[in-house]
Amino acid sequence: LGRARAAGPSALAACAGTATAEVGATDPSEAALVDPLTGILRPERMAGAARKFLARGRRLGRPVTVMHVGIDGMRDLNERFGREAGEAVLKGMGGILSRELRETDLVGRADGDYFIAIVECGVEEARKAADRVIARVREAQVPAGMSVIRFTVSVGLAGETEEGAPPHLLRAAETAMHAARHEGRNVHLVYRRALEAATPAPDVKKDIF
């Protein structure tokens, strides 16, 4: 994965031809597609776009990997620094994903402090992308009044491995993200079937996608 230019709303709208053409939107305007806080796809747009992006990859025989990113301890950040500071963290995370992933990758918010990226590459290349994202998070400093917020993320990846591809890539990536959170912060894990039994059920909505 080569590093992308900072992707603005227009680039996101053209992302692999899916964000407007395949999301099923009746209003192709950027405002209808882009989350105004983070500058990436809105959760309600990301759900449909993700399914169609994955179907497109299968149809064309292209490898795709799902990256599920969760900001760690977001509730504590909001309580300690306030909601405005928490929103600044979300905005910063959206910017990191836009800069570190390619314009041809699909990037959007899943729900709350969770983000989804679908990258057109195999798992090993996606791991390099995840490492870049984590490196930028380690460097990030978000101003909050007289303080500076440092935050961490947990990243799950799901795609084709020696076990084959899991049947539900989006949920598999979410499972791997929660397993990464239990392993430690600012780490990524690739989905393996063994994670299903080892990872506690996440306290999040299960039918986001």
C-alpha atoms as a PDB file:
ATOM      1  CA  LEU A   1       0.000   0.000   0.000  1.00  0.00           C
ATOM      2  CA  GLY A   2       1.496   3.300  -1.051  1.00  0.00           C
ATOM      3  CA  ARG A   3       0.761   6.328   1.061  1.00  0.00           C
ATOM      4  CA  ALA A   4      -2.130   8.381  -0.244  1.00  0.00           C
ATOM      5  CA  ARG A   5      -2.503  12.106  -0.515  1.00  0.00           C
ATOM      6  CA  ALA A   6      -4.796  13.615   2.084  1.00  0.00           C
ATOM      7  CA  ALA A   7      -8.211  12.629   0.818  1.00  0.00           C
ATOM      8  CA  GLY A   8     -10.750  15.419   0.757  1.00  0.00           C
ATOM      9  CA  PRO A   9     -14.522  14.967   0.440  1.00  0.00           C
ATOM     10  CA  SER A  10     -14.372  14.911  -3.362  1.00  0.00           C
ATOM     11  CA  ALA A  11     -11.816  12.101  -3.303  1.00  0.00           C
ATOM     12  CA  LEU A  12     -13.946  10.184  -0.829  1.00  0.00           C
ATOM     13  CA  ALA A  13     -17.007  10.604  -3.007  1.00  0.00           C
ATOM     14  CA  ALA A  14     -15.115   9.039  -5.911  1.00  0.00           C
ATOM     15  CA  CYS A  15     -13.548   6.278  -3.800  1.00  0.00           C
ATOM     16  CA  ALA A  16     -13.240   3.273  -6.126  1.00  0.00           C
ATOM     17  CA  GLY A  17     -16.463   4.372  -7.789  1.00  0.00           C
ATOM     18  CA  THR A  18     -18.534   3.129  -4.857  1.00  0.00           C
ATOM     19  CA  ALA A  19     -19.221   6.038  -2.575  1.00  0.00           C
ATOM     20  CA  THR A  20     -21.668   7.665  -4.963  1.00  0.00           C
ATOM     21  CA  ALA A  21     -22.354   5.155  -7.708  1.00  0.00           C
ATOM     22  CA  GLU A  22     -22.719   2.102  -5.472  1.00  0.00           C
ATOM     23  CA  VAL A  23     -23.980   3.481  -2.187  1.00  0.00           C
ATOM     24  CA  GLY A  24     -27.435   3.868  -3.675  1.00  0.00           C
ATOM     25  CA  ALA A  25     -27.657   7.511  -2.735  1.00  0.00           C
ATOM     26  CA  THR A  26     -30.305   9.594  -4.398  1.00  0.00           C
ATOM     27  CA  ASP A  27     -28.438  12.769  -3.477  1.00  0.00           C
ATOM     28  CA  PRO A  28     -24.833  12.540  -4.735  1.00  0.00           C
ATOM     29  CA  SER A  29     -23.766  15.741  -2.984  1.00  0.00           C
ATOM     30  CA  GLU A  30     -20.813  15.540  -0.649  1.00  0.00           C
ATOM     31  CA  ALA A  31     -22.925  16.693   2.297  1.00  0.00           C
ATOM     32  CA  ALA A  32     -25.110  13.614   1.936  1.00  0.00           C
ATOM     33  CA  LEU A  33     -22.105  11.286   1.939  1.00  0.00           C
ATOM     34  CA  VAL A  34     -19.518  12.775   4.263  1.00  0.00           C
ATOM     35  CA  ASP A  35     -19.564  12.899   8.047  1.00  0.00           C
ATOM     36  CA  PRO A  36     -19.045  16.603   8.806  1.00  0.00           C
ATOM     37  CA  LEU A  37     -16.944  15.894  11.899  1.00  0.00           C
ATOM     38  CA  THR A  38     -14.412  13.416  10.526  1.00  0.00           C
ATOM     39  CA  GLY A  39     -14.477  14.152   6.795  1.00  0.00           C
ATOM     40  CA  ILE A  40     -15.066  10.505   5.877  1.00  0.00           C
ATOM     41  CA  LEU A  41     -18.198   8.555   4.967  1.00  0.00           C
ATOM     42  CA  ARG A  42     -21.162   8.792   7.328  1.00  0.00           C
ATOM     43  CA  PRO A  43     -22.086   5.600   9.213  1.00  0.00           C
ATOM     44  CA  GLU A  44     -25.421   5.332   7.403  1.00  0.00           C
ATOM     45  CA  ARG A  45     -23.639   5.592   4.044  1.00  0.00           C
ATOM     46  CA  MET A  46     -20.730   3.368   5.008  1.00  0.00           C
ATOM     47  CA  ALA A  47     -22.924   0.360   5.714  1.00  0.00           C
ATOM     48  CA  GLY A  48     -24.264   0.036   2.177  1.00  0.00           C
ATOM     49  CA  ALA A  49     -21.015   1.097   0.538  1.00  0.00           C
ATOM     50  CA  ALA A  50     -19.040  -1.509   2.489  1.00  0.00           C
ATOM     51  CA  ARG A  51     -21.268  -4.371   1.382  1.00  0.00           C
ATOM     52  CA  LYS A  52     -21.109  -3.292  -2.237  1.00  0.00           C
ATOM     53  CA  PHE A  53     -17.360  -2.658  -2.126  1.00  0.00           C
ATOM     54  CA  LEU A  54     -16.812  -6.197  -0.850  1.00  0.00           C
ATOM     55  CA  ALA A  55     -19.173  -7.645  -3.464  1.00  0.00           C
ATOM     56  CA  ARG A  56     -17.303  -5.718  -6.153  1.00  0.00           C
ATOM     57  CA  GLY A  57     -14.002  -7.192  -4.990  1.00  0.00           C
ATOM     58  CA  ARG A  58     -15.413 -10.713  -5.132  1.00  0.00           C
ATOM     59  CA  ARG A  59     -16.898 -10.097  -8.568  1.00  0.00           C
ATOM     60  CA  LEU A  60     -13.614  -8.786  -9.972  1.00  0.00           C
ATOM     61  CA  GLY A  61     -11.470 -11.341  -8.172  1.00  0.00           C
ATOM     62  CA  ARG A  62      -9.536  -8.674  -6.258  1.00  0.00           C
ATOM     63  CA  PRO A  63      -8.211  -9.241  -2.743  1.00  0.00           C
ATOM     64  CA  VAL A  64      -9.836  -7.079  -0.097  1.00  0.00           C
ATOM     65  CA  THR A  65      -9.147  -6.734   3.608  1.00  0.00           C
ATOM     66  CA  VAL A  66     -11.383  -5.097   6.194  1.00  0.00           C
ATOM     67  CA  MET A  67      -9.783  -2.895   8.863  1.00  0.00           C
ATOM     68  CA  HIS A  68     -11.847  -2.156  11.973  1.00  0.00           C
ATOM     69  CA  VAL A  69     -10.394   0.627  14.135  1.00  0.00           C
ATOM     70  CA  GLY A  70     -11.597   1.418  17.641  1.00  0.00           C
ATOM     71  CA  ILE A  71     -10.447   4.355  19.758  1.00  0.00           C
ATOM     72  CA  ASP A  72      -9.599   3.036  23.213  1.00  0.00           C
ATOM     73  CA  GLY A  73     -11.229   4.516  26.307  1.00  0.00           C
ATOM     74  CA  MET A  74     -13.345   7.074  24.477  1.00  0.00           C
ATOM     75  CA  ARG A  75     -15.854   7.328  27.311  1.00  0.00           C
ATOM     76  CA  ASP A  76     -13.082   8.172  29.762  1.00  0.00           C
ATOM     77  CA  LEU A  77     -11.673  10.787  27.376  1.00  0.00           C
ATOM     78  CA  ASN A  78     -15.075  12.458  27.123  1.00  0.00           C
ATOM     79  CA  GLU A  79     -15.549  12.440  30.885  1.00  0.00           C
ATOM     80  CA  ARG A  80     -12.067  13.794  31.599  1.00  0.00           C
ATOM     81  CA  PHE A  81     -11.707  16.397  28.860  1.00  0.00           C
ATOM     82  CA  GLY A  82     -15.267  17.071  27.702  1.00  0.00           C
ATOM     83  CA  ARG A  83     -17.302  16.243  24.638  1.00  0.00           C
ATOM     84  CA  GLU A  84     -15.695  18.906  22.462  1.00  0.00           C
ATOM     85  CA  ALA A  85     -12.264  17.418  23.084  1.00  0.00           C
ATOM     86  CA  GLY A  86     -13.656  13.957  22.344  1.00  0.00           C
ATOM     87  CA  GLU A  87     -14.951  15.211  19.009  1.00  0.00           C
ATOM     88  CA  ALA A  88     -11.489  16.608  18.271  1.00  0.00           C
ATOM     89  CA  VAL A  89     -10.077  13.112  18.795  1.00  0.00           C
ATOM     90  CA  LEU A  90     -12.641  11.650  16.385  1.00  0.00           C
ATOM     91  CA  LYS A  91     -11.793  14.308  13.833  1.00  0.00           C
ATOM     92  CA  GLY A  92      -8.097  13.569  14.227  1.00  0.00           C
ATOM     93  CA  MET A  93      -8.685   9.850  13.725  1.00  0.00           C
ATOM     94  CA  GLY A  94     -10.643  10.489  10.542  1.00  0.00           C
ATOM     95  CA  GLY A  95      -7.781  12.621   9.264  1.00  0.00           C
ATOM     96  CA  ILE A  96      -5.198   9.946  10.007  1.00  0.00           C
ATOM     97  CA  LEU A  97      -7.172   7.299   8.110  1.00  0.00           C
ATOM     98  CA  SER A  98      -7.693   9.637   5.150  1.00  0.00           C
ATOM     99  CA  ARG A  99      -3.983  10.438   4.941  1.00  0.00           C
ATOM    100  CA  GLU A 100      -2.568   6.977   5.527  1.00  0.00           C
ATOM    101  CA  LEU A 101      -4.888   4.994   3.261  1.00  0.00           C
ATOM    102  CA  ARG A 102      -5.268   5.276  -0.488  1.00  0.00           C
ATOM    103  CA  GLU A 103      -7.987   7.232  -2.229  1.00  0.00           C
ATOM    104  CA  THR A 104      -9.139   3.953  -3.788  1.00  0.00           C
ATOM    105  CA  ASP A 105      -9.792   2.458  -0.338  1.00  0.00           C
ATOM    106  CA  LEU A 106     -13.193   2.884   1.280  1.00  0.00           C
ATOM    107  CA  VAL A 107     -13.031   4.701   4.626  1.00  0.00           C
ATOM    108  CA  GLY A 108     -15.871   5.679   6.931  1.00  0.00           C
ATOM    109  CA  ARG A 109     -17.275   5.741  10.438  1.00  0.00           C
ATOM    110  CA  ALA A 110     -18.999   2.643  11.726  1.00  0.00           C
ATOM    111  CA  ASP A 111     -20.622   3.959  14.887  1.00  0.00           C
ATOM    112  CA  GLY A 112     -19.497   6.232  17.695  1.00  0.00           C
ATOM    113  CA  ASP A 113     -15.750   5.842  18.126  1.00  0.00           C
ATOM    114  CA  TYR A 114     -15.380   3.006  15.597  1.00  0.00           C
ATOM    115  CA  PHE A 115     -14.103   3.299  12.039  1.00  0.00           C
ATOM    116  CA  ILE A 116     -14.053   0.955   9.054  1.00  0.00           C
ATOM    117  CA  ALA A 117     -11.655   0.854   6.120  1.00  0.00           C
ATOM    118  CA  ILE A 118     -11.824  -1.616   3.261  1.00  0.00           C
ATOM    119  CA  VAL A 119      -8.529  -1.825   1.415  1.00  0.00           C
ATOM    120  CA  GLU A 120      -7.956  -3.458  -1.955  1.00  0.00           C
ATOM    121  CA  CYS A 121      -5.036  -5.680  -1.013  1.00  0.00           C
ATOM    122  CA  GLY A 122      -4.179  -8.849   0.850  1.00  0.00           C
ATOM    123  CA  VAL A 123      -3.810  -9.157   4.597  1.00  0.00           C
ATOM    124  CA  GLU A 124      -0.022  -8.728   4.684  1.00  0.00           C
ATOM    125  CA  GLU A 125      -0.172  -5.400   2.857  1.00  0.00           C
ATOM    126  CA  ALA A 126      -3.105  -4.354   5.044  1.00  0.00           C
ATOM    127  CA  ARG A 127      -0.984  -5.073   8.123  1.00  0.00           C
ATOM    128  CA  LYS A 128       1.570  -2.551   6.857  1.00  0.00           C
ATOM    129  CA  ALA A 129      -1.214  -0.001   6.458  1.00  0.00           C
ATOM    130  CA  ALA A 130      -2.444  -0.729   9.983  1.00  0.00           C
ATOM    131  CA  ASP A 131       1.088  -0.208  11.308  1.00  0.00           C
ATOM    132  CA  ARG A 132       1.220   3.190   9.576  1.00  0.00           C
ATOM    133  CA  VAL A 133      -2.095   4.205  11.080  1.00  0.00           C
ATOM    134  CA  ILE A 134      -0.964   3.145  14.554  1.00  0.00           C
ATOM    135  CA  ALA A 135       2.338   5.005  14.140  1.00  0.00           C
ATOM    136  CA  ARG A 136       0.480   8.222  13.318  1.00  0.00           C
ATOM    137  CA  VAL A 137      -1.823   7.720  16.312  1.00  0.00           C
ATOM    138  CA  ARG A 138       1.217   7.389  18.575  1.00  0.00           C
ATOM    139  CA  GLU A 139       2.435  10.753  17.276  1.00  0.00           C
ATOM    140  CA  ALA A 140      -0.930  12.499  17.518  1.00  0.00           C
ATOM    141  CA  GLN A 141      -1.495  15.206  20.116  1.00  0.00           C
ATOM    142  CA  VAL A 142      -4.978  16.703  20.361  1.00  0.00           C
ATOM    143  CA  PRO A 143      -5.254  20.104  22.116  1.00  0.00           C
ATOM    144  CA  ALA A 144      -7.795  20.225  24.931  1.00  0.00           C
ATOM    145  CA  GLY A 145      -7.705  23.602  26.674  1.00  0.00           C
ATOM    146  CA  MET A 146      -4.462  23.720  28.637  1.00  0.00           C
ATOM    147  CA  SER A 147      -3.925  19.992  28.139  1.00  0.00           C
ATOM    148  CA  VAL A 148      -2.964  17.732  25.260  1.00  0.00           C
ATOM    149  CA  ILE A 149      -4.744  14.436  24.651  1.00  0.00           C
ATOM    150  CA  ARG A 150      -2.776  11.357  23.651  1.00  0.00           C
ATOM    151  CA  PHE A 151      -4.951   8.420  22.633  1.00  0.00           C
ATOM    152  CA  THR A 152      -4.563   4.843  21.469  1.00  0.00           C
ATOM    153  CA  VAL A 153      -6.407   2.562  19.076  1.00  0.00           C
ATOM    154  CA  SER A 154      -7.024  -1.134  18.599  1.00  0.00           C
ATOM    155  CA  VAL A 155      -7.161  -2.474  15.044  1.00  0.00           C
ATOM    156  CA  GLY A 156      -8.669  -5.686  13.699  1.00  0.00           C
ATOM    157  CA  LEU A 157      -8.070  -7.031  10.206  1.00  0.00           C
ATOM    158  CA  ALA A 158     -10.018  -9.672   8.311  1.00  0.00           C
ATOM    159  CA  GLY A 159      -9.249 -11.119   4.892  1.00  0.00           C
ATOM    160  CA  GLU A 160      -7.853 -14.166   3.122  1.00  0.00           C
ATOM    161  CA  THR A 161      -5.381 -16.149   5.281  1.00  0.00           C
ATOM    162  CA  GLU A 162      -4.168 -19.746   5.384  1.00  0.00           C
ATOM    163  CA  GLU A 163      -7.522 -20.508   7.063  1.00  0.00           C
ATOM    164  CA  GLY A 164      -9.341 -19.058   4.079  1.00  0.00           C
ATOM    165  CA  ALA A 165     -11.545 -15.998   4.242  1.00  0.00           C
ATOM    166  CA  PRO A 166     -14.106 -15.705   7.067  1.00  0.00           C
ATOM    167  CA  PRO A 167     -17.695 -15.664   5.742  1.00  0.00           C
ATOM    168  CA  HIS A 168     -18.482 -12.279   7.310  1.00  0.00           C
ATOM    169  CA  LEU A 169     -15.444 -10.032   6.923  1.00  0.00           C
ATOM    170  CA  LEU A 170     -16.932  -7.009   8.686  1.00  0.00           C
ATOM    171  CA  ARG A 171     -17.852  -8.919  11.831  1.00  0.00           C
ATOM    172  CA  ALA A 172     -14.591 -10.865  11.730  1.00  0.00           C
ATOM    173  CA  ALA A 173     -12.616  -7.608  11.662  1.00  0.00           C
ATOM    174  CA  GLU A 174     -14.656  -6.346  14.624  1.00  0.00           C
ATOM    175  CA  THR A 175     -13.873  -9.533  16.557  1.00  0.00           C
ATOM    176  CA  ALA A 176     -10.164  -9.100  15.804  1.00  0.00           C
ATOM    177  CA  MET A 177     -10.305  -5.459  16.933  1.00  0.00           C
ATOM    178  CA  HIS A 178     -11.749  -6.417  20.323  1.00  0.00           C
ATOM    179  CA  ALA A 179      -9.140  -9.166  20.656  1.00  0.00           C
ATOM    180  CA  ALA A 180      -6.434  -6.579  19.919  1.00  0.00           C
ATOM    181  CA  ARG A 181      -7.875  -4.380  22.662  1.00  0.00           C
ATOM    182  CA  HIS A 182      -7.433  -7.221  25.142  1.00  0.00           C
ATOM    183  CA  GLU A 183      -3.877  -7.835  23.921  1.00  0.00           C
ATOM    184  CA  GLY A 184      -2.838  -4.242  24.546  1.00  0.00           C
ATOM    185  CA  ARG A 185      -3.235  -0.792  23.038  1.00  0.00           C
ATOM    186  CA  ASN A 186      -1.942   0.487  19.685  1.00  0.00           C
ATOM    187  CA  VAL A 187      -1.724  -3.011  18.257  1.00  0.00           C
ATOM    188  CA  HIS A 188      -3.420  -4.829  15.409  1.00  0.00           C
ATOM    189  CA  LEU A 189      -4.533  -8.444  15.091  1.00  0.00           C
ATOM    190  CA  VAL A 190      -5.567 -10.489  12.072  1.00  0.00           C
ATOM    191  CA  TYR A 191      -8.763 -12.518  12.477  1.00  0.00           C
ATOM    192  CA  ARG A 192      -8.349 -16.210  13.173  1.00  0.00           C
ATOM    193  CA  ARG A 193     -11.166 -18.581  14.067  1.00  0.00           C
ATOM    194  CA  ALA A 194      -9.626 -19.164  17.497  1.00  0.00           C
ATOM    195  CA  LEU A 195     -10.404 -15.541  18.394  1.00  0.00           C
ATOM    196  CA  GLU A 196     -14.129 -16.292  18.454  1.00  0.00           C
ATOM    197  CA  ALA A 197     -13.824 -18.353  21.638  1.00  0.00           C
ATOM    198  CA  ALA A 198     -11.017 -16.310  23.191  1.00  0.00           C
ATOM    199  CA  THR A 199     -12.552 -12.841  22.816  1.00  0.00           C
ATOM    200  CA  PRO A 200     -15.343 -11.668  25.160  1.00  0.00           C
ATOM    201  CA  ALA A 201     -18.496 -10.507  23.402  1.00  0.00           C
ATOM    202  CA  PRO A 202     -18.146  -6.776  22.666  1.00  0.00           C
ATOM    203  CA  ASP A 203     -20.537  -4.330  24.320  1.00  0.00           C
ATOM    204  CA  VAL A 204     -21.489  -2.695  21.019  1.00  0.00           C
ATOM    205  CA  LYS A 205     -24.339  -2.934  18.546  1.00  0.00           C
ATOM    206  CA  LYS A 206     -23.927  -6.131  16.519  1.00  0.00           C
ATOM    207  CA  ASP A 207     -25.961  -5.151  13.499  1.00  0.00           C
ATOM    208  CA  ILE A 208     -24.205  -1.958  12.442  1.00  0.00           C
ATOM    209  CA  PHE A 209     -23.338  -3.685   9.150  1.00  0.00           C
END
